Amino acid sequence: MPSHESAIYPAPPEYDIFKKKMQSLSGIDLDAYKYQIHRRIHMLMQRWGMKSYDEYYKTIADNPDKLREFLDYLTINVTEFFRNANRWWELKDRIIPQIYKELGHQKLKMWSAACSTGEEPYSLAILAIESRVATPKPVLAVDIDDGVLAKATAGVYAKRQIASAPKEWIPKYFTDAGADTVKVKPEVKDKVKFKHMDLIKDRFESDFDLILCRNVVIYFGPETKSALYKKFFSALRPGGYLMTGATEQIFEYKTIGFESAGPFLYRRPK
């Protein structure tokens, strides 16, 4: 049965052709997103004054700046260091010490899935340094968008993006880059490994102690969302944790095999 959303915003047949072309161009499967993504795409199409999907696609394909604007608008690449700060302090004060206690050592394997422009994995690396975590590998940070990965690798950010960081941490981990910008220090960058990955299609590594996937899955449809959470479950070691975004409660967590470890925090049982 068609959804109420699809009844209000029906997609024309040309949209299916557009989706296939965009997948070839960008690697992003628009069918994996909720139907509302069509409305979002159509709104940008109207903003640009495009009258057909063919014109829309040609504009995106022929202009790298338009492709970047399209991807940013689609995936909402807006983030900051220590976003939703209480969740980070919970990691620092409760979850990481619990992992220490269980493992009997200080080696954590951590992953920032859909890392966008890098604020989250760098935040995780800083948290690891402050918690005196010895990581055998850098924090894994992946995204499907090569453009945001390039920005993440550069490590340059607006000063407003570090507003949630403790003031005493700012001179320790950032240098002034001028024009109201800062740059992540090398000792932090060395603790993060950026990699291109399609979370839906690609295989995951295993034995993670902690996975962060926040403010991303909300845009996926129910089947894609469920399949992704199952993949995360398999990627965790027994006793490992998955943290989701503040609007991404996993209602079927028990069916998947998780146990609740707190608000928007799930654990694979030992």
C-alpha atoms as a PDB file:
ATOM      1  CA  MET A   1       0.000   0.000   0.000  1.00  0.00           C
ATOM      2  CA  PRO A   2       1.474   3.430  -0.885  1.00  0.00           C
ATOM      3  CA  SER A   3       2.414   5.597   2.039  1.00  0.00           C
ATOM      4  CA  HIS A   4       0.660   8.834   2.944  1.00  0.00           C
ATOM      5  CA  GLU A   5       3.901  10.600   2.021  1.00  0.00           C
ATOM      6  CA  SER A   6       3.996   9.032  -1.465  1.00  0.00           C
ATOM      7  CA  ALA A   7       0.345   9.911  -2.034  1.00  0.00           C
ATOM      8  CA  ILE A   8       1.098  13.573  -1.347  1.00  0.00           C
ATOM      9  CA  TYR A   9       4.417  13.719  -3.209  1.00  0.00           C
ATOM     10  CA  PRO A  10       4.143  11.172  -6.076  1.00  0.00           C
ATOM     11  CA  ALA A  11       7.378  10.603  -7.981  1.00  0.00           C
ATOM     12  CA  PRO A  12       7.103  10.730 -11.792  1.00  0.00           C
ATOM     13  CA  PRO A  13       8.558   7.895 -13.925  1.00  0.00           C
ATOM     14  CA  GLU A  14      11.475  10.140 -14.887  1.00  0.00           C
ATOM     15  CA  TYR A  15      12.588  10.036 -11.263  1.00  0.00           C
ATOM     16  CA  ASP A  16      13.457   6.324 -11.563  1.00  0.00           C
ATOM     17  CA  ILE A  17      15.774   7.110 -14.479  1.00  0.00           C
ATOM     18  CA  PHE A  18      17.303   9.980 -12.489  1.00  0.00           C
ATOM     19  CA  LYS A  19      17.940   7.668  -9.510  1.00  0.00           C
ATOM     20  CA  LYS A  20      19.754   5.122 -11.658  1.00  0.00           C
ATOM     21  CA  LYS A  21      21.928   7.806 -13.257  1.00  0.00           C
ATOM     22  CA  MET A  22      22.763   9.316  -9.862  1.00  0.00           C
ATOM     23  CA  GLN A  23      23.773   5.919  -8.515  1.00  0.00           C
ATOM     24  CA  SER A  24      26.187   5.487 -11.431  1.00  0.00           C
ATOM     25  CA  LEU A  25      27.549   8.994 -10.917  1.00  0.00           C
ATOM     26  CA  SER A  26      27.841   9.144  -7.114  1.00  0.00           C
ATOM     27  CA  GLY A  27      27.523   5.557  -5.872  1.00  0.00           C
ATOM     28  CA  ILE A  28      24.547   6.527  -3.704  1.00  0.00           C
ATOM     29  CA  ASP A  29      21.446   4.346  -4.001  1.00  0.00           C
ATOM     30  CA  LEU A  30      18.522   6.717  -3.482  1.00  0.00           C
ATOM     31  CA  ASP A  31      16.153   3.751  -3.116  1.00  0.00           C
ATOM     32  CA  ALA A  32      17.778   3.013   0.242  1.00  0.00           C
ATOM     33  CA  TYR A  33      16.483   6.292   1.649  1.00  0.00           C
ATOM     34  CA  LYS A  34      13.040   7.027   3.023  1.00  0.00           C
ATOM     35  CA  TYR A  35      10.507   8.278   0.511  1.00  0.00           C
ATOM     36  CA  GLN A  36      10.794  11.786   1.985  1.00  0.00           C
ATOM     37  CA  ILE A  37      14.146  12.038   0.216  1.00  0.00           C
ATOM     38  CA  HIS A  38      12.269  12.500  -3.072  1.00  0.00           C
ATOM     39  CA  ARG A  39      10.587  15.582  -1.667  1.00  0.00           C
ATOM     40  CA  ARG A  40      13.974  16.895  -0.539  1.00  0.00           C
ATOM     41  CA  ILE A  41      15.514  16.274  -3.961  1.00  0.00           C
ATOM     42  CA  HIS A  42      12.542  17.917  -5.670  1.00  0.00           C
ATOM     43  CA  MET A  43      12.864  20.992  -3.434  1.00  0.00           C
ATOM     44  CA  LEU A  44      16.478  21.463  -4.531  1.00  0.00           C
ATOM     45  CA  MET A  45      15.434  20.958  -8.137  1.00  0.00           C
ATOM     46  CA  GLN A  46      12.912  23.791  -7.747  1.00  0.00           C
ATOM     47  CA  ARG A  47      15.494  25.987  -6.035  1.00  0.00           C
ATOM     48  CA  TRP A  48      17.787  25.609  -9.031  1.00  0.00           C
ATOM     49  CA  GLY A  49      14.931  26.400 -11.452  1.00  0.00           C
ATOM     50  CA  MET A  50      15.114  23.012 -13.167  1.00  0.00           C
ATOM     51  CA  LYS A  51      12.066  21.887 -15.146  1.00  0.00           C
ATOM     52  CA  SER A  52      13.059  18.289 -15.898  1.00  0.00           C
ATOM     53  CA  TYR A  53      15.028  15.499 -14.236  1.00  0.00           C
ATOM     54  CA  ASP A  54      17.188  15.208 -17.356  1.00  0.00           C
ATOM     55  CA  GLU A  55      18.219  18.871 -17.035  1.00  0.00           C
ATOM     56  CA  TYR A  56      18.698  18.364 -13.287  1.00  0.00           C
ATOM     57  CA  TYR A  57      21.022  15.394 -13.806  1.00  0.00           C
ATOM     58  CA  LYS A  58      23.068  17.081 -16.545  1.00  0.00           C
ATOM     59  CA  THR A  59      23.602  20.115 -14.307  1.00  0.00           C
ATOM     60  CA  ILE A  60      24.853  17.916 -11.476  1.00  0.00           C
ATOM     61  CA  ALA A  61      26.979  15.672 -13.706  1.00  0.00           C
ATOM     62  CA  ASP A  62      28.663  18.555 -15.562  1.00  0.00           C
ATOM     63  CA  ASN A  63      29.360  20.791 -12.552  1.00  0.00           C
ATOM     64  CA  PRO A  64      31.385  19.472  -9.579  1.00  0.00           C
ATOM     65  CA  ASP A  65      30.164  22.341  -7.383  1.00  0.00           C
ATOM     66  CA  LYS A  66      26.547  21.405  -8.105  1.00  0.00           C
ATOM     67  CA  LEU A  67      27.289  17.762  -7.344  1.00  0.00           C
ATOM     68  CA  ARG A  68      28.811  18.809  -4.026  1.00  0.00           C
ATOM     69  CA  GLU A  69      25.778  20.975  -3.231  1.00  0.00           C
ATOM     70  CA  PHE A  70      23.453  18.105  -4.140  1.00  0.00           C
ATOM     71  CA  LEU A  71      25.285  15.610  -1.915  1.00  0.00           C
ATOM     72  CA  ASP A  72      25.526  18.035   0.991  1.00  0.00           C
ATOM     73  CA  TYR A  73      21.824  18.853   0.714  1.00  0.00           C
ATOM     74  CA  LEU A  74      20.939  15.181   0.441  1.00  0.00           C
ATOM     75  CA  THR A  75      23.049  13.850   3.294  1.00  0.00           C
ATOM     76  CA  ILE A  76      22.899  16.974   5.487  1.00  0.00           C
ATOM     77  CA  ASN A  77      26.619  17.105   6.246  1.00  0.00           C
ATOM     78  CA  VAL A  78      26.283  19.457   9.193  1.00  0.00           C
ATOM     79  CA  THR A  79      28.110  18.445  12.333  1.00  0.00           C
ATOM     80  CA  GLU A  80      30.443  19.646  15.076  1.00  0.00           C
ATOM     81  CA  PHE A  81      32.925  18.310  17.588  1.00  0.00           C
ATOM     82  CA  PHE A  82      31.338  16.541  20.577  1.00  0.00           C
ATOM     83  CA  ARG A  83      27.851  16.964  19.120  1.00  0.00           C
ATOM     84  CA  ASN A  84      25.244  16.155  21.801  1.00  0.00           C
ATOM     85  CA  ALA A  85      27.925  16.525  24.446  1.00  0.00           C
ATOM     86  CA  ASN A  86      26.209  14.432  27.140  1.00  0.00           C
ATOM     87  CA  ARG A  87      26.564  11.343  24.978  1.00  0.00           C
ATOM     88  CA  TRP A  88      30.333  11.923  24.727  1.00  0.00           C
ATOM     89  CA  TRP A  89      30.758  12.359  28.448  1.00  0.00           C
ATOM     90  CA  GLU A  90      28.839   9.113  28.944  1.00  0.00           C
ATOM     91  CA  LEU A  91      31.383   7.385  26.727  1.00  0.00           C
ATOM     92  CA  LYS A  92      34.248   8.921  28.656  1.00  0.00           C
ATOM     93  CA  ASP A  93      32.913   8.386  32.168  1.00  0.00           C
ATOM     94  CA  ARG A  94      30.986   5.112  31.888  1.00  0.00           C
ATOM     95  CA  ILE A  95      31.364   3.112  28.690  1.00  0.00           C
ATOM     96  CA  ILE A  96      35.111   3.278  28.082  1.00  0.00           C
ATOM     97  CA  PRO A  97      35.954   2.460  31.731  1.00  0.00           C
ATOM     98  CA  GLN A  98      33.525  -0.482  31.495  1.00  0.00           C
ATOM     99  CA  ILE A  99      35.332  -1.767  28.412  1.00  0.00           C
ATOM    100  CA  TYR A 100      38.666  -1.414  30.259  1.00  0.00           C
ATOM    101  CA  LYS A 101      37.304  -3.447  33.129  1.00  0.00           C
ATOM    102  CA  GLU A 102      36.044  -6.229  30.905  1.00  0.00           C
ATOM    103  CA  LEU A 103      39.020  -6.489  28.579  1.00  0.00           C
ATOM    104  CA  GLY A 104      41.693  -6.054  31.218  1.00  0.00           C
ATOM    105  CA  HIS A 105      43.697  -3.766  28.953  1.00  0.00           C
ATOM    106  CA  GLN A 106      43.439  -0.373  27.284  1.00  0.00           C
ATOM    107  CA  LYS A 107      43.246  -1.363  23.630  1.00  0.00           C
ATOM    108  CA  LEU A 108      40.039  -0.364  21.953  1.00  0.00           C
ATOM    109  CA  LYS A 109      38.942  -0.889  18.368  1.00  0.00           C
ATOM    110  CA  MET A 110      36.598   1.976  17.451  1.00  0.00           C
ATOM    111  CA  TRP A 111      34.661   2.986  14.364  1.00  0.00           C
ATOM    112  CA  SER A 112      32.887   6.156  13.234  1.00  0.00           C
ATOM    113  CA  ALA A 113      30.444   4.995  10.551  1.00  0.00           C
ATOM    114  CA  ALA A 114      29.262   7.688   8.117  1.00  0.00           C
ATOM    115  CA  CYS A 115      31.838  10.097   9.516  1.00  0.00           C
ATOM    116  CA  SER A 116      30.960  13.037   7.245  1.00  0.00           C
ATOM    117  CA  THR A 117      33.621  15.790   7.449  1.00  0.00           C
ATOM    118  CA  GLY A 118      35.485  14.163  10.342  1.00  0.00           C
ATOM    119  CA  GLU A 119      34.330  15.934  13.485  1.00  0.00           C
ATOM    120  CA  GLU A 120      33.019  12.723  15.040  1.00  0.00           C
ATOM    121  CA  PRO A 121      36.085  10.460  14.564  1.00  0.00           C
ATOM    122  CA  TYR A 122      38.426  13.257  15.624  1.00  0.00           C
ATOM    123  CA  SER A 123      36.259  13.750  18.718  1.00  0.00           C
ATOM    124  CA  LEU A 124      36.547  10.027  19.391  1.00  0.00           C
ATOM    125  CA  ALA A 125      40.326  10.146  18.966  1.00  0.00           C
ATOM    126  CA  ILE A 126      40.567  13.084  21.391  1.00  0.00           C
ATOM    127  CA  LEU A 127      38.395  11.202  23.870  1.00  0.00           C
ATOM    128  CA  ALA A 128      40.696   8.197  23.536  1.00  0.00           C
ATOM    129  CA  ILE A 129      43.749  10.341  24.249  1.00  0.00           C
ATOM    130  CA  GLU A 130      42.087  11.923  27.281  1.00  0.00           C
ATOM    131  CA  SER A 131      41.050   8.490  28.538  1.00  0.00           C
ATOM    132  CA  ARG A 132      44.581   7.188  27.956  1.00  0.00           C
ATOM    133  CA  VAL A 133      43.402   4.537  25.548  1.00  0.00           C
ATOM    134  CA  ALA A 134      46.107   2.680  23.668  1.00  0.00           C
ATOM    135  CA  THR A 135      44.543   1.953  20.264  1.00  0.00           C
ATOM    136  CA  PRO A 136      46.236  -0.777  18.199  1.00  0.00           C
ATOM    137  CA  LYS A 137      44.740   0.847  15.106  1.00  0.00           C
ATOM    138  CA  PRO A 138      43.586   4.399  14.431  1.00  0.00           C
ATOM    139  CA  VAL A 139      39.872   5.088  14.768  1.00  0.00           C
ATOM    140  CA  LEU A 140      38.242   3.828  11.574  1.00  0.00           C
ATOM    141  CA  ALA A 141      36.237   6.607   9.909  1.00  0.00           C
ATOM    142  CA  VAL A 142      34.214   5.844   6.776  1.00  0.00           C
ATOM    143  CA  ASP A 143      31.846   7.656   4.450  1.00  0.00           C
ATOM    144  CA  ILE A 144      30.434   7.137   0.957  1.00  0.00           C
ATOM    145  CA  ASP A 145      31.123  10.766  -0.027  1.00  0.00           C
ATOM    146  CA  ASP A 146      34.691  11.353  -1.235  1.00  0.00           C
ATOM    147  CA  GLY A 147      34.184  15.108  -0.971  1.00  0.00           C
ATOM    148  CA  VAL A 148      33.527  15.059   2.755  1.00  0.00           C
ATOM    149  CA  LEU A 149      36.378  12.593   3.252  1.00  0.00           C
ATOM    150  CA  ALA A 150      38.737  15.082   1.590  1.00  0.00           C
ATOM    151  CA  LYS A 151      37.562  17.786   3.994  1.00  0.00           C
ATOM    152  CA  ALA A 152      37.950  15.402   6.914  1.00  0.00           C
ATOM    153  CA  THR A 153      41.494  14.496   5.915  1.00  0.00           C
ATOM    154  CA  ALA A 154      42.414  18.197   5.719  1.00  0.00           C
ATOM    155  CA  GLY A 155      41.164  18.655   9.279  1.00  0.00           C
ATOM    156  CA  VAL A 156      40.320  22.377   9.021  1.00  0.00           C
ATOM    157  CA  TYR A 157      37.140  23.617  10.721  1.00  0.00           C
ATOM    158  CA  ALA A 158      35.281  26.770  11.665  1.00  0.00           C
ATOM    159  CA  LYS A 159      35.848  27.791  15.270  1.00  0.00           C
ATOM    160  CA  ARG A 160      32.121  27.553  15.955  1.00  0.00           C
ATOM    161  CA  GLN A 161      32.378  23.798  15.316  1.00  0.00           C
ATOM    162  CA  ILE A 162      34.498  23.296  18.435  1.00  0.00           C
ATOM    163  CA  ALA A 163      32.138  25.231  20.731  1.00  0.00           C
ATOM    164  CA  SER A 164      31.145  22.047  22.611  1.00  0.00           C
ATOM    165  CA  ALA A 165      34.745  21.008  23.311  1.00  0.00           C
ATOM    166  CA  PRO A 166      36.064  21.653  26.831  1.00  0.00           C
ATOM    167  CA  LYS A 167      38.001  24.918  26.715  1.00  0.00           C
ATOM    168  CA  GLU A 168      41.174  23.330  28.083  1.00  0.00           C
ATOM    169  CA  TRP A 169      41.180  20.794  25.251  1.00  0.00           C
ATOM    170  CA  ILE A 170      41.179  23.372  22.451  1.00  0.00           C
ATOM    171  CA  PRO A 171      44.855  24.469  22.668  1.00  0.00           C
ATOM    172  CA  LYS A 172      45.884  20.833  23.246  1.00  0.00           C
ATOM    173  CA  TYR A 173      44.329  19.469  20.097  1.00  0.00           C
ATOM    174  CA  PHE A 174      43.835  22.395  17.692  1.00  0.00           C
ATOM    175  CA  THR A 175      45.954  25.127  16.174  1.00  0.00           C
ATOM    176  CA  ASP A 176      44.697  28.482  14.906  1.00  0.00           C
ATOM    177  CA  ALA A 177      44.387  28.413  11.122  1.00  0.00           C
ATOM    178  CA  GLY A 178      43.250  32.042  10.714  1.00  0.00           C
ATOM    179  CA  ALA A 179      39.991  33.508   9.409  1.00  0.00           C
ATOM    180  CA  ASP A 180      37.998  32.026  12.294  1.00  0.00           C
ATOM    181  CA  THR A 181      39.233  28.527  11.544  1.00  0.00           C
ATOM    182  CA  VAL A 182      41.220  25.903  13.425  1.00  0.00           C
ATOM    183  CA  LYS A 183      43.178  22.850  12.348  1.00  0.00           C
ATOM    184  CA  VAL A 184      43.363  19.491  14.073  1.00  0.00           C
ATOM    185  CA  LYS A 185      46.857  18.794  15.405  1.00  0.00           C
ATOM    186  CA  PRO A 186      48.907  15.944  13.851  1.00  0.00           C
ATOM    187  CA  GLU A 187      48.791  13.826  17.016  1.00  0.00           C
ATOM    188  CA  VAL A 188      45.000  13.665  16.638  1.00  0.00           C
ATOM    189  CA  LYS A 189      45.021  13.163  12.864  1.00  0.00           C
ATOM    190  CA  ASP A 190      47.415  10.244  13.271  1.00  0.00           C
ATOM    191  CA  LYS A 191      44.808   8.440  15.359  1.00  0.00           C
ATOM    192  CA  VAL A 192      42.145   8.445  12.629  1.00  0.00           C
ATOM    193  CA  LYS A 193      42.070   6.455   9.389  1.00  0.00           C
ATOM    194  CA  PHE A 194      39.610   7.706   6.751  1.00  0.00           C
ATOM    195  CA  LYS A 195      38.213   5.296   4.191  1.00  0.00           C
ATOM    196  CA  HIS A 196      35.572   5.321   1.454  1.00  0.00           C
ATOM    197  CA  MET A 197      32.760   2.863   2.238  1.00  0.00           C
ATOM    198  CA  ASP A 198      29.173   2.180   1.284  1.00  0.00           C
ATOM    199  CA  LEU A 199      27.606   1.023   4.549  1.00  0.00           C
ATOM    200  CA  ILE A 200      24.787  -0.712   2.731  1.00  0.00           C
ATOM    201  CA  LYS A 201      26.809  -2.703   0.196  1.00  0.00           C
ATOM    202  CA  ASP A 202      30.331  -3.142   1.601  1.00  0.00           C
ATOM    203  CA  ARG A 203      31.490  -5.783   4.069  1.00  0.00           C
ATOM    204  CA  PHE A 204      32.412  -4.655   7.577  1.00  0.00           C
ATOM    205  CA  GLU A 205      35.420  -5.480   9.685  1.00  0.00           C
ATOM    206  CA  SER A 206      34.750  -7.326  12.934  1.00  0.00           C
ATOM    207  CA  ASP A 207      35.550  -7.305  16.658  1.00  0.00           C
ATOM    208  CA  PHE A 208      34.821  -3.622  17.280  1.00  0.00           C
ATOM    209  CA  ASP A 209      34.551  -2.503  20.886  1.00  0.00           C
ATOM    210  CA  LEU A 210      32.631   0.648  20.001  1.00  0.00           C
ATOM    211  CA  ILE A 211      30.764   1.775  16.881  1.00  0.00           C
ATOM    212  CA  LEU A 212      29.261   5.234  16.453  1.00  0.00           C
ATOM    213  CA  CYS A 213      26.632   5.634  13.737  1.00  0.00           C
ATOM    214  CA  ARG A 214      24.716   8.806  14.518  1.00  0.00           C
ATOM    215  CA  ASN A 215      22.286  11.004  12.608  1.00  0.00           C
ATOM    216  CA  VAL A 216      22.543   8.929   9.426  1.00  0.00           C
ATOM    217  CA  VAL A 217      20.264   5.887   9.630  1.00  0.00           C
ATOM    218  CA  ILE A 218      17.267   8.177  10.168  1.00  0.00           C
ATOM    219  CA  TYR A 219      17.290   8.877   6.420  1.00  0.00           C
ATOM    220  CA  PHE A 220      17.068   5.204   5.420  1.00  0.00           C
ATOM    221  CA  GLY A 221      13.937   3.175   4.798  1.00  0.00           C
ATOM    222  CA  PRO A 222      12.857   0.482   7.314  1.00  0.00           C
ATOM    223  CA  GLU A 223      14.332  -2.516   5.462  1.00  0.00           C
ATOM    224  CA  THR A 224      17.678  -0.832   4.835  1.00  0.00           C
ATOM    225  CA  LYS A 225      17.786   0.403   8.419  1.00  0.00           C
ATOM    226  CA  SER A 226      17.126  -3.074   9.825  1.00  0.00           C
ATOM    227  CA  ALA A 227      19.738  -4.700   7.582  1.00  0.00           C
ATOM    228  CA  LEU A 228      22.318  -2.107   8.595  1.00  0.00           C
ATOM    229  CA  TYR A 229      21.748  -2.596  12.323  1.00  0.00           C
ATOM    230  CA  LYS A 230      22.170  -6.346  11.845  1.00  0.00           C
ATOM    231  CA  LYS A 231      25.488  -5.710  10.114  1.00  0.00           C
ATOM    232  CA  PHE A 232      26.616  -3.513  12.998  1.00  0.00           C
ATOM    233  CA  PHE A 233      25.628  -6.230  15.461  1.00  0.00           C
ATOM    234  CA  SER A 234      27.815  -8.746  13.613  1.00  0.00           C
ATOM    235  CA  ALA A 235      30.706  -6.256  13.456  1.00  0.00           C
ATOM    236  CA  LEU A 236      30.813  -5.852  17.247  1.00  0.00           C
ATOM    237  CA  ARG A 237      32.672  -8.231  19.502  1.00  0.00           C
ATOM    238  CA  PRO A 238      30.538  -9.818  22.230  1.00  0.00           C
ATOM    239  CA  GLY A 239      30.240  -7.048  24.808  1.00  0.00           C
ATOM    240  CA  GLY A 240      30.781  -4.260  22.258  1.00  0.00           C
ATOM    241  CA  TYR A 241      28.630  -1.135  22.044  1.00  0.00           C
ATOM    242  CA  LEU A 242      26.739   0.679  19.278  1.00  0.00           C
ATOM    243  CA  MET A 243      25.773   4.325  19.811  1.00  0.00           C
ATOM    244  CA  THR A 244      23.111   5.835  17.561  1.00  0.00           C
ATOM    245  CA  GLY A 245      21.859   9.401  17.136  1.00  0.00           C
ATOM    246  CA  ALA A 246      19.413  11.098  19.464  1.00  0.00           C
ATOM    247  CA  THR A 247      16.504  10.445  17.085  1.00  0.00           C
ATOM    248  CA  GLU A 248      17.504   6.918  16.059  1.00  0.00           C
ATOM    249  CA  GLN A 249      16.048   4.544  18.614  1.00  0.00           C
ATOM    250  CA  ILE A 250      16.273   0.886  17.525  1.00  0.00           C
ATOM    251  CA  PHE A 251      12.809  -0.430  18.284  1.00  0.00           C
ATOM    252  CA  GLU A 252      13.663  -3.990  17.194  1.00  0.00           C
ATOM    253  CA  TYR A 253      16.945  -4.162  19.134  1.00  0.00           C
ATOM    254  CA  LYS A 254      15.928  -7.320  21.030  1.00  0.00           C
ATOM    255  CA  THR A 255      14.995  -9.107  17.804  1.00  0.00           C
ATOM    256  CA  ILE A 256      18.393  -8.259  16.313  1.00  0.00           C
ATOM    257  CA  GLY A 257      20.134  -9.518  19.459  1.00  0.00           C
ATOM    258  CA  PHE A 258      21.111  -6.267  21.176  1.00  0.00           C
ATOM    259  CA  GLU A 259      20.474  -5.364  24.776  1.00  0.00           C
ATOM    260  CA  SER A 260      19.816  -1.789  25.855  1.00  0.00           C
ATOM    261  CA  ALA A 261      22.770  -0.102  27.568  1.00  0.00           C
ATOM    262  CA  GLY A 262      21.226   3.356  27.941  1.00  0.00           C
ATOM    263  CA  PRO A 263      19.545   6.007  25.798  1.00  0.00           C
ATOM    264  CA  PHE A 264      20.465   5.376  22.146  1.00  0.00           C
ATOM    265  CA  LEU A 265      23.144   2.942  23.286  1.00  0.00           C
ATOM    266  CA  TYR A 266      23.050  -0.779  22.518  1.00  0.00           C
ATOM    267  CA  ARG A 267      25.279  -3.674  23.442  1.00  0.00           C
ATOM    268  CA  ARG A 268      25.980  -7.044  21.900  1.00  0.00           C
ATOM    269  CA  PRO A 269      25.675  -9.483  24.829  1.00  0.00           C
ATOM    270  CA  LYS A 270      28.754 -11.380  25.895  1.00  0.00           C
END
